[in-house]
């Protein structure tokens, strides 16, 4: 099962959307938690997972900057209206 996860996505991390990266990351975590992967495969999965985490962080930061530009200089906490 771990081999299919490692080979599942040949797409470079930088080309993945946030959703694609998160889906692959969840799959990697599931594989690693299972503990059935040989050490070499587990290390490759871990390395890919680290790259995915970094990529997701960059995408989220970029989205935050876009929201800041659209809403003004600083982000404000969302407050629900009470009835």
Protein backbone atom coordinates (compact mmCIF):
# COMPACT_ATOMS: atom_id res chain seq x y z
CA UNK A 1 0.00 0.00 0.00
CA UNK A 2 2.83 2.42 0.76
CA UNK A 3 4.34 1.98 -2.69
CA UNK A 4 1.12 3.15 -4.34
CA UNK A 5 1.14 6.23 -2.09
CA UNK A 6 4.74 7.05 -2.97
CA UNK A 7 4.11 6.62 -6.70
CA UNK A 8 0.56 7.98 -6.59
CA UNK A 9 1.53 11.52 -7.48
CA UNK A 10 4.29 12.12 -9.95
CA UNK A 11 3.31 15.78 -10.10
CA UNK A 12 5.92 18.13 -8.60
CA UNK A 13 4.87 19.52 -5.21
CA UNK A 14 5.07 23.11 -6.50
CA UNK A 15 2.40 22.37 -9.13
CA UNK A 16 -0.17 21.01 -6.67
CA UNK A 17 -3.14 23.02 -5.52
CA UNK A 18 -3.68 23.37 -1.78
CA UNK A 19 -6.45 20.76 -1.89
CA UNK A 20 -4.33 18.27 -3.87
CA UNK A 21 -1.39 18.74 -1.50
CA UNK A 22 -3.57 18.25 1.59
CA UNK A 23 -5.16 15.11 0.15
CA UNK A 24 -1.76 13.63 -0.63
CA UNK A 25 -0.43 14.66 2.78
CA UNK A 26 -3.34 12.92 4.52
CA UNK A 27 -2.62 9.78 2.49
CA UNK A 28 1.06 9.92 3.46
CA UNK A 29 0.20 10.33 7.14
CA UNK A 30 -2.13 7.33 6.96
CA UNK A 31 0.60 5.23 5.35
CA UNK A 32 3.21 6.27 7.90
CA UNK A 33 0.88 5.70 10.85
CA UNK A 34 0.23 2.17 9.59
CA UNK A 35 3.88 1.33 10.18
CA UNK A 36 3.91 -1.19 7.35
CA UNK A 37 6.31 0.67 5.04
CA UNK A 38 9.95 -0.39 4.79
CA UNK A 39 12.28 2.23 6.25
CA UNK A 40 13.49 3.49 2.85
CA UNK A 41 9.91 3.97 1.60
CA UNK A 42 8.89 5.60 4.88
CA UNK A 43 11.76 8.08 4.58
CA UNK A 44 10.72 8.99 1.02
CA UNK A 45 7.13 9.46 2.16
CA UNK A 46 8.28 11.60 5.08
CA UNK A 47 10.40 13.78 2.78
CA UNK A 48 7.48 14.24 0.37
CA UNK A 49 5.23 15.03 3.32
CA UNK A 50 7.63 17.70 4.57
CA UNK A 51 7.68 19.29 1.12
CA UNK A 52 3.87 19.21 1.02
CA UNK A 53 3.61 20.88 4.43
CA UNK A 54 5.98 23.63 3.31
CA UNK A 55 4.05 24.11 0.06
CA UNK A 56 0.71 24.31 1.89
CA UNK A 57 2.18 26.92 4.25
CA UNK A 58 3.33 29.02 1.30
CA UNK A 59 -0.09 28.78 -0.35
CA UNK A 60 -1.87 29.77 2.86
CA UNK A 61 0.47 32.71 3.41
CA UNK A 62 -0.14 33.84 -0.16
CA UNK A 63 -3.90 33.61 0.34
CA UNK A 64 -3.64 35.62 3.57
CA UNK A 65 -1.69 38.35 1.77
CA UNK A 66 -4.34 38.52 -0.95
CA UNK A 67 -7.09 38.83 1.67
CA UNK A 68 -5.11 41.58 3.40
CA UNK A 69 -4.79 43.51 0.15
CA UNK A 70 -8.50 43.16 -0.52
CA UNK A 71 -9.62 44.10 2.98
CA UNK A 72 -7.12 46.79 3.85
CA UNK A 73 -3.88 46.97 5.76
CA UNK A 74 -4.69 44.56 8.58
CA UNK A 75 -6.84 41.51 9.02
CA UNK A 76 -9.55 41.75 11.60
CA UNK A 77 -11.02 38.91 13.62
CA UNK A 78 -14.36 37.66 12.41
CA UNK A 79 -17.09 38.35 14.91
CA UNK A 80 -20.46 36.66 14.67
CA UNK A 81 -23.45 38.89 15.13
CA UNK A 82 -25.41 38.00 18.22
CA UNK A 83 -29.18 38.11 18.04
